[in-house]
Amino acid sequence: MDADHLPEMLARLKLTALRDRLDTLLDEAARRELSLRETLALLCEAEVAHREERRIQMGLGIAKFPFVRTLEGSEADFPVHAPAPYARTLCQNARDFPPK
């Protein structure tokens, strides 16, 4: 098996994030002294995380939002935790009105 063909094989399998970060990820696995199975899990996690991030970015692009807004910078003027009686009332109302 020739390791020189590894980037080409990863590209052919459409594992481009793994191909682009392979040396860094393998160095991390060696530094952490991971087993072969743990190294494979690390590589797969990196590819899955990249694909998930790309999926979100593509969705935002397709949605054509004028700007991205997150909850971190917002000023919430409502309580984070509702008092128990209020929460029970909300739950009761939700049961009375099932979704259509």
N, C-alpha and C. Protein backbone atom coordinates (compact mmCIF):
# COMPACT_ATOMS: atom_id res chain seq x y z
N MET A 1 0.86 -1.17 0.00
CA MET A 1 0.00 0.00 0.00
C MET A 1 0.90 1.24 0.00
N ASP A 2 0.61 2.17 -0.89
CA ASP A 2 1.43 3.37 -1.05
C ASP A 2 0.72 4.55 -0.39
N ALA A 3 1.34 5.10 0.65
CA ALA A 3 0.73 6.23 1.37
C ALA A 3 0.72 7.50 0.55
N ASP A 4 1.53 7.56 -0.51
CA ASP A 4 1.56 8.76 -1.36
C ASP A 4 0.24 8.96 -2.10
N HIS A 5 -0.50 7.89 -2.29
CA HIS A 5 -1.79 7.98 -3.00
C HIS A 5 -2.95 8.30 -2.06
N LEU A 6 -2.68 8.39 -0.78
CA LEU A 6 -3.74 8.62 0.20
C LEU A 6 -4.54 9.90 -0.07
N PRO A 7 -3.91 11.04 -0.33
CA PRO A 7 -4.72 12.25 -0.62
C PRO A 7 -5.63 12.07 -1.84
N GLU A 8 -5.13 11.38 -2.86
CA GLU A 8 -5.95 11.14 -4.05
C GLU A 8 -7.13 10.24 -3.73
N MET A 9 -6.89 9.20 -2.91
CA MET A 9 -7.98 8.29 -2.54
C MET A 9 -9.02 9.01 -1.69
N LEU A 10 -8.56 9.85 -0.76
CA LEU A 10 -9.50 10.59 0.08
C LEU A 10 -10.33 11.55 -0.77
N ALA A 11 -9.71 12.18 -1.75
CA ALA A 11 -10.46 13.07 -2.65
C ALA A 11 -11.47 12.28 -3.46
N ARG A 12 -11.07 11.12 -3.93
CA ARG A 12 -11.98 10.28 -4.72
C ARG A 12 -13.18 9.83 -3.88
N LEU A 13 -12.95 9.60 -2.60
CA LEU A 13 -14.03 9.22 -1.69
C LEU A 13 -14.81 10.43 -1.17
N LYS A 14 -14.43 11.62 -1.65
CA LYS A 14 -15.06 12.88 -1.25
C LYS A 14 -14.89 13.16 0.24
N LEU A 15 -13.73 12.80 0.75
CA LEU A 15 -13.36 13.10 2.14
C LEU A 15 -12.35 14.25 2.12
N THR A 16 -12.78 15.36 1.54
CA THR A 16 -11.85 16.46 1.30
C THR A 16 -11.39 17.15 2.58
N ALA A 17 -12.25 17.26 3.57
CA ALA A 17 -11.83 17.88 4.84
C ALA A 17 -10.76 17.02 5.50
N LEU A 18 -10.95 15.73 5.43
CA LEU A 18 -9.97 14.80 5.98
C LEU A 18 -8.67 14.88 5.20
N ARG A 19 -8.77 14.96 3.89
CA ARG A 19 -7.58 15.09 3.04
C ARG A 19 -6.80 16.36 3.40
N ASP A 20 -7.52 17.46 3.57
CA ASP A 20 -6.87 18.75 3.82
C ASP A 20 -6.22 18.83 5.21
N ARG A 21 -6.75 18.09 6.17
CA ARG A 21 -6.25 18.18 7.55
C ARG A 21 -5.57 16.90 8.02
N LEU A 22 -5.29 16.00 7.11
CA LEU A 22 -4.80 14.67 7.48
C LEU A 22 -3.54 14.73 8.35
N ASP A 23 -2.54 15.47 7.93
CA ASP A 23 -1.28 15.51 8.69
C ASP A 23 -1.51 16.07 10.10
N THR A 24 -2.30 17.12 10.20
CA THR A 24 -2.58 17.71 11.51
C THR A 24 -3.31 16.73 12.42
N LEU A 25 -4.31 16.05 11.86
CA LEU A 25 -5.09 15.10 12.65
C LEU A 25 -4.25 13.89 13.07
N LEU A 26 -3.41 13.40 12.17
CA LEU A 26 -2.55 12.27 12.52
C LEU A 26 -1.52 12.67 13.57
N ASP A 27 -1.01 13.89 13.48
CA ASP A 27 -0.08 14.38 14.52
C ASP A 27 -0.78 14.45 15.87
N GLU A 28 -2.03 14.92 15.86
CA GLU A 28 -2.79 14.99 17.12
C GLU A 28 -3.02 13.60 17.69
N ALA A 29 -3.36 12.65 16.83
CA ALA A 29 -3.58 11.28 17.28
C ALA A 29 -2.31 10.69 17.87
N ALA A 30 -1.17 10.96 17.25
CA ALA A 30 0.10 10.45 17.76
C ALA A 30 0.45 11.11 19.09
N ARG A 31 0.22 12.41 19.19
CA ARG A 31 0.51 13.14 20.42
C ARG A 31 -0.33 12.60 21.57
N ARG A 32 -1.59 12.28 21.28
CA ARG A 32 -2.50 11.76 22.31
C ARG A 32 -2.36 10.25 22.51
N GLU A 33 -1.47 9.63 21.71
CA GLU A 33 -1.22 8.18 21.78
C GLU A 33 -2.51 7.39 21.63
N LEU A 34 -3.29 7.72 20.61
CA LEU A 34 -4.56 7.05 20.36
C LEU A 34 -4.33 5.70 19.68
N SER A 35 -5.21 4.77 19.95
CA SER A 35 -5.17 3.48 19.26
C SER A 35 -5.64 3.68 17.82
N LEU A 36 -5.52 2.65 17.01
CA LEU A 36 -5.96 2.74 15.62
C LEU A 36 -7.45 3.06 15.54
N ARG A 37 -8.23 2.40 16.36
CA ARG A 37 -9.68 2.63 16.37
C ARG A 37 -10.01 4.06 16.81
N GLU A 38 -9.32 4.55 17.84
CA GLU A 38 -9.54 5.91 18.31
C GLU A 38 -9.11 6.94 17.27
N THR A 39 -8.02 6.64 16.56
CA THR A 39 -7.56 7.53 15.49
C THR A 39 -8.59 7.59 14.38
N LEU A 40 -9.12 6.45 14.01
CA LEU A 40 -10.15 6.41 12.97
C LEU A 40 -11.38 7.21 13.41
N ALA A 41 -11.75 7.09 14.67
CA ALA A 41 -12.88 7.86 15.20
C ALA A 41 -12.58 9.36 15.14
N LEU A 42 -11.36 9.76 15.47
CA LEU A 42 -10.96 11.17 15.41
C LEU A 42 -11.07 11.69 13.98
N LEU A 43 -10.59 10.90 13.02
CA LEU A 43 -10.65 11.30 11.62
C LEU A 43 -12.10 11.43 11.15
N CYS A 44 -12.92 10.47 11.52
CA CYS A 44 -14.34 10.52 11.12
C CYS A 44 -15.06 11.70 11.76
N GLU A 45 -14.77 11.96 13.04
CA GLU A 45 -15.39 13.10 13.72
C GLU A 45 -15.05 14.41 13.02
N ALA A 46 -13.81 14.54 12.59
CA ALA A 46 -13.39 15.76 11.90
C ALA A 46 -14.15 15.93 10.58
N GLU A 47 -14.31 14.85 9.84
CA GLU A 47 -15.02 14.92 8.56
C GLU A 47 -16.50 15.23 8.79
N VAL A 48 -17.11 14.58 9.77
CA VAL A 48 -18.53 14.81 10.06
C VAL A 48 -18.75 16.25 10.51
N ALA A 49 -17.88 16.77 11.37
CA ALA A 49 -18.01 18.15 11.84
C ALA A 49 -17.89 19.13 10.68
N HIS A 50 -16.96 18.86 9.77
CA HIS A 50 -16.80 19.73 8.61
C HIS A 50 -18.05 19.71 7.73
N ARG A 51 -18.59 18.53 7.50
CA ARG A 51 -19.79 18.42 6.66
C ARG A 51 -20.99 19.11 7.30
N GLU A 52 -21.12 18.98 8.61
CA GLU A 52 -22.23 19.63 9.31
C GLU A 52 -22.10 21.15 9.21
N GLU A 53 -20.89 21.66 9.40
CA GLU A 53 -20.67 23.10 9.29
C GLU A 53 -20.96 23.58 7.87
N ARG A 54 -20.52 22.80 6.89
CA ARG A 54 -20.77 23.17 5.49
C ARG A 54 -22.26 23.13 5.17
N ARG A 55 -22.97 22.15 5.73
CA ARG A 55 -24.42 22.05 5.51
C ARG A 55 -25.13 23.29 6.06
N ILE A 56 -24.72 23.72 7.24
CA ILE A 56 -25.33 24.90 7.86
C ILE A 56 -25.03 26.14 7.02
N GLN A 57 -23.78 26.29 6.61
CA GLN A 57 -23.40 27.45 5.80
C GLN A 57 -24.15 27.48 4.47
N MET A 58 -24.31 26.32 3.85
CA MET A 58 -25.05 26.26 2.58
C MET A 58 -26.51 26.63 2.80
N GLY A 59 -27.09 26.14 3.91
CA GLY A 59 -28.48 26.47 4.22
C GLY A 59 -28.66 27.96 4.44
N LEU A 60 -27.72 28.57 5.14
CA LEU A 60 -27.80 30.02 5.35
C LEU A 60 -27.66 30.77 4.03
N GLY A 61 -26.81 30.26 3.16
CA GLY A 61 -26.64 30.90 1.86
C GLY A 61 -27.89 30.78 1.00
N ILE A 62 -28.51 29.61 1.02
CA ILE A 62 -29.73 29.39 0.25
C ILE A 62 -30.87 30.25 0.79
N ALA A 63 -30.93 30.39 2.12
CA ALA A 63 -32.00 31.18 2.75
C ALA A 63 -31.89 32.66 2.42
N LYS A 64 -30.69 33.12 2.10
CA LYS A 64 -30.44 34.51 1.74
C LYS A 64 -30.89 35.49 2.82
N PHE A 65 -30.58 35.14 4.07
CA PHE A 65 -30.85 36.07 5.15
C PHE A 65 -30.00 37.32 4.95
N PRO A 66 -30.54 38.50 5.28
CA PRO A 66 -29.73 39.71 5.11
C PRO A 66 -28.52 39.74 6.03
N PHE A 67 -28.61 39.10 7.19
CA PHE A 67 -27.48 38.97 8.10
C PHE A 67 -27.78 37.83 9.05
N VAL A 68 -26.74 37.33 9.69
CA VAL A 68 -26.88 36.22 10.63
C VAL A 68 -27.00 36.80 12.03
N ARG A 69 -28.00 36.36 12.76
CA ARG A 69 -28.20 36.83 14.13
C ARG A 69 -28.18 35.61 15.05
N THR A 70 -27.48 35.72 16.16
CA THR A 70 -27.42 34.64 17.13
C THR A 70 -27.96 35.12 18.47
N LEU A 71 -28.22 34.19 19.36
CA LEU A 71 -28.75 34.54 20.68
C LEU A 71 -27.67 35.11 21.60
N GLU A 72 -26.39 34.83 21.31
CA GLU A 72 -25.32 35.27 22.20
C GLU A 72 -25.30 36.79 22.38
N GLY A 73 -25.54 37.54 21.32
CA GLY A 73 -25.45 38.98 21.41
C GLY A 73 -26.76 39.67 21.70
N SER A 74 -27.83 38.93 21.84
CA SER A 74 -29.14 39.56 22.03
C SER A 74 -29.35 39.94 23.49
N GLU A 75 -30.22 40.92 23.68
CA GLU A 75 -30.58 41.34 25.03
C GLU A 75 -31.98 40.81 25.32
N ALA A 76 -32.03 39.75 26.07
CA ALA A 76 -33.31 39.13 26.39
C ALA A 76 -33.93 39.86 27.57
N ASP A 77 -35.18 40.30 27.40
CA ASP A 77 -35.86 40.98 28.50
C ASP A 77 -36.96 40.10 29.08
N PHE A 78 -36.73 38.79 29.04
CA PHE A 78 -37.67 37.86 29.62
C PHE A 78 -36.89 36.93 30.54
N PRO A 79 -37.57 36.36 31.54
CA PRO A 79 -36.85 35.50 32.47
C PRO A 79 -36.41 34.21 31.79
N VAL A 80 -35.24 33.76 32.16
CA VAL A 80 -34.72 32.52 31.59
C VAL A 80 -35.52 31.34 32.12
N HIS A 81 -35.85 31.37 33.40
CA HIS A 81 -36.62 30.30 34.02
C HIS A 81 -37.98 30.85 34.43
N ALA A 82 -39.03 30.24 33.92
CA ALA A 82 -40.37 30.67 34.28
C ALA A 82 -40.74 30.09 35.64
N PRO A 83 -41.48 30.83 36.45
CA PRO A 83 -41.95 30.28 37.73
C PRO A 83 -42.80 29.04 37.47
N ALA A 84 -42.79 28.11 38.41
CA ALA A 84 -43.47 26.83 38.24
C ALA A 84 -44.95 26.99 37.88
N PRO A 85 -45.74 27.86 38.56
CA PRO A 85 -47.15 27.97 38.19
C PRO A 85 -47.33 28.44 36.73
N TYR A 86 -46.49 29.35 36.31
CA TYR A 86 -46.56 29.86 34.94
C TYR A 86 -46.23 28.75 33.94
N ALA A 87 -45.21 27.96 34.26
CA ALA A 87 -44.82 26.86 33.38
C ALA A 87 -45.94 25.83 33.29
N ARG A 88 -46.60 25.53 34.43
CA ARG A 88 -47.71 24.56 34.41
C ARG A 88 -48.85 25.08 33.55
N THR A 89 -49.16 26.37 33.64
CA THR A 89 -50.22 26.96 32.82
C THR A 89 -49.88 26.85 31.35
N LEU A 90 -48.65 27.14 30.99
CA LEU A 90 -48.24 27.02 29.60
C LEU A 90 -48.37 25.59 29.10
N CYS A 91 -47.93 24.64 29.92
CA CYS A 91 -48.02 23.24 29.52
C CYS A 91 -49.47 22.80 29.38
N GLN A 92 -50.33 23.24 30.30
CA GLN A 92 -51.75 22.89 30.22
C GLN A 92 -52.35 23.46 28.94
N ASN A 93 -52.04 24.72 28.63
CA ASN A 93 -52.56 25.33 27.41
C ASN A 93 -52.07 24.61 26.17
N ALA A 94 -50.86 24.14 26.20
CA ALA A 94 -50.31 23.42 25.04
C ALA A 94 -51.06 22.11 24.84
N ARG A 95 -51.48 21.45 25.92
CA ARG A 95 -52.25 20.20 25.78
C ARG A 95 -53.65 20.48 25.26
N ASP A 96 -54.21 21.64 25.60
CA ASP A 96 -55.56 21.98 25.15
C ASP A 96 -55.61 22.29 23.66
N PHE A 97 -54.50 22.71 23.10
CA PHE A 97 -54.45 23.10 21.69
C PHE A 97 -53.41 22.27 20.96
N PRO A 98 -53.79 21.07 20.52
CA PRO A 98 -52.82 20.23 19.82
C PRO A 98 -52.42 20.87 18.49
N PRO A 99 -51.22 20.56 18.00
CA PRO A 99 -50.79 21.13 16.72
C PRO A 99 -51.68 20.67 15.58
N LYS A 100 -51.82 21.52 14.58
CA LYS A 100 -52.68 21.19 13.44
C LYS A 100 -51.96 20.31 12.46
